[in-house]
């Protein structure tokens, strides 16, 4: 997951016995990190997913197929999965900042 993802992602993963690896927010950084043999899935903040054992790229059609496959194997209807997903809201904004000030603090 990108470093900008909310910490609740780690809580949800931990509840399912998984862990989260943080990366830079750039798509390339996420895909490069997903090349590790222990990574099963990469996810972006805009809802895209990659499954590196299938291919090293975000793939919407494969995500749909994988979701259906996992639901069928667990004998759980997709409607129940949707109901079980915790409702969370993530507010994201942009603050303009001069390059020289990035990573520093701004005095007002």
Protein backbone atom coordinates (compact mmCIF):
# COMPACT_ATOMS: atom_id res chain seq x y z
CA UNK A 1 0.00 0.00 0.00
CA UNK A 2 1.16 3.53 -0.60
CA UNK A 3 2.48 5.45 2.38
CA UNK A 4 -0.56 7.74 2.09
CA UNK A 5 -3.04 4.92 2.82
CA UNK A 6 -4.83 5.16 6.18
CA UNK A 7 -3.56 3.04 9.08
CA UNK A 8 -6.91 1.20 9.21
CA UNK A 9 -5.60 -0.85 6.25
CA UNK A 10 -3.01 -2.39 8.58
CA UNK A 11 -5.66 -3.09 11.21
CA UNK A 12 -7.89 -4.86 8.68
CA UNK A 13 -4.95 -6.88 7.30
CA UNK A 14 -3.82 -7.88 10.80
CA UNK A 15 -7.34 -9.13 11.63
CA UNK A 16 -7.02 -11.51 8.65
CA UNK A 17 -3.48 -12.65 9.55
CA UNK A 18 -1.78 -10.53 6.87
CA UNK A 19 0.67 -7.67 6.94
CA UNK A 20 1.07 -4.48 4.93
CA UNK A 21 4.21 -3.16 3.29
CA UNK A 22 4.25 0.60 2.73
CA UNK A 23 5.76 2.11 -0.43
CA UNK A 24 6.03 5.45 -2.14
CA UNK A 25 2.73 6.52 -3.68
CA UNK A 26 3.94 6.25 -7.28
CA UNK A 27 2.51 3.33 -9.26
CA UNK A 28 6.01 2.21 -10.25
CA UNK A 29 7.12 2.05 -6.59
CA UNK A 30 4.12 -0.09 -5.66
CA UNK A 31 4.68 -2.53 -8.54
CA UNK A 32 8.42 -2.77 -7.80
CA UNK A 33 7.71 -3.54 -4.13
CA UNK A 34 5.15 -6.15 -5.19
CA UNK A 35 7.87 -8.12 -7.00
CA UNK A 36 8.96 -9.58 -3.64
CA UNK A 37 8.04 -13.26 -3.39
CA UNK A 38 5.99 -12.75 -0.21
CA UNK A 39 3.70 -10.08 -1.71
CA UNK A 40 0.31 -11.42 -2.82
CA UNK A 41 -1.41 -8.21 -3.84
CA UNK A 42 -0.70 -4.50 -4.30
CA UNK A 43 -3.39 -1.88 -3.93
CA UNK A 44 -3.54 1.80 -4.77
CA UNK A 45 -5.52 4.56 -3.08
CA UNK A 46 -7.72 4.93 -6.18
CA UNK A 47 -8.98 1.34 -6.01
CA UNK A 48 -6.61 -0.43 -8.41
CA UNK A 49 -5.11 -3.83 -7.55
CA UNK A 50 -2.20 -5.86 -8.89
CA UNK A 51 -1.49 -9.55 -8.32
CA UNK A 52 2.24 -9.91 -9.04
CA UNK A 53 2.14 -13.70 -9.44
CA UNK A 54 -0.20 -13.10 -12.39
CA UNK A 55 1.37 -9.96 -13.85
CA UNK A 56 3.30 -6.93 -12.64
CA UNK A 57 0.62 -4.33 -13.38
CA UNK A 58 -2.70 -3.12 -12.06
CA UNK A 59 -5.43 -5.16 -13.75
CA UNK A 60 -9.14 -4.49 -13.18
CA UNK A 61 -10.42 -7.53 -15.07
CA UNK A 62 -8.16 -9.90 -13.15
CA UNK A 63 -9.22 -8.25 -9.89
CA UNK A 64 -12.87 -8.98 -10.71
CA UNK A 65 -12.08 -12.58 -11.65
CA UNK A 66 -9.98 -13.12 -8.51
CA UNK A 67 -12.72 -11.67 -6.29
CA UNK A 68 -15.32 -14.02 -7.81
CA UNK A 69 -12.91 -16.98 -7.53
CA UNK A 70 -12.18 -16.34 -3.84
CA UNK A 71 -15.85 -15.79 -3.00
CA UNK A 72 -16.81 -19.03 -4.76
CA UNK A 73 -14.05 -21.00 -3.03
CA UNK A 74 -15.20 -19.69 0.35
CA UNK A 75 -18.86 -20.26 -0.63
CA UNK A 76 -19.69 -16.69 0.34
CA UNK A 77 -22.00 -14.58 -1.83
CA UNK A 78 -20.55 -11.29 -3.04
CA UNK A 79 -23.42 -9.44 -1.36
CA UNK A 80 -22.30 -10.73 2.04
CA UNK A 81 -18.71 -9.74 1.39
CA UNK A 82 -19.85 -6.22 0.57
CA UNK A 83 -21.92 -6.09 3.76
CA UNK A 84 -18.92 -7.29 5.81
CA UNK A 85 -16.53 -4.61 4.54
CA UNK A 86 -16.19 -1.95 7.23
CA UNK A 87 -17.41 1.45 6.09
CA UNK A 88 -14.52 3.91 6.21
CA UNK A 89 -14.06 7.37 4.84
CA UNK A 90 -10.72 8.74 3.73
CA UNK A 91 -10.45 12.46 3.14
CA UNK A 92 -7.58 13.50 0.96
CA UNK A 93 -6.47 17.02 0.11
CA UNK A 94 -3.61 18.93 -1.42
CA UNK A 95 -1.60 21.68 0.19
CA UNK A 96 0.64 23.72 -2.09
CA UNK A 97 4.24 23.73 -0.89
CA UNK A 98 7.42 25.13 -2.40
CA UNK A 99 9.83 22.27 -3.20
CA UNK A 100 12.51 23.62 -0.83
CA UNK A 101 10.05 23.44 2.08
CA UNK A 102 8.88 19.84 1.51
CA UNK A 103 9.61 17.63 4.48
CA UNK A 104 10.13 20.64 6.74
CA UNK A 105 7.84 22.63 8.94
CA UNK A 106 6.10 25.87 8.12
CA UNK A 107 6.05 28.65 10.70
CA UNK A 108 2.97 30.86 10.67
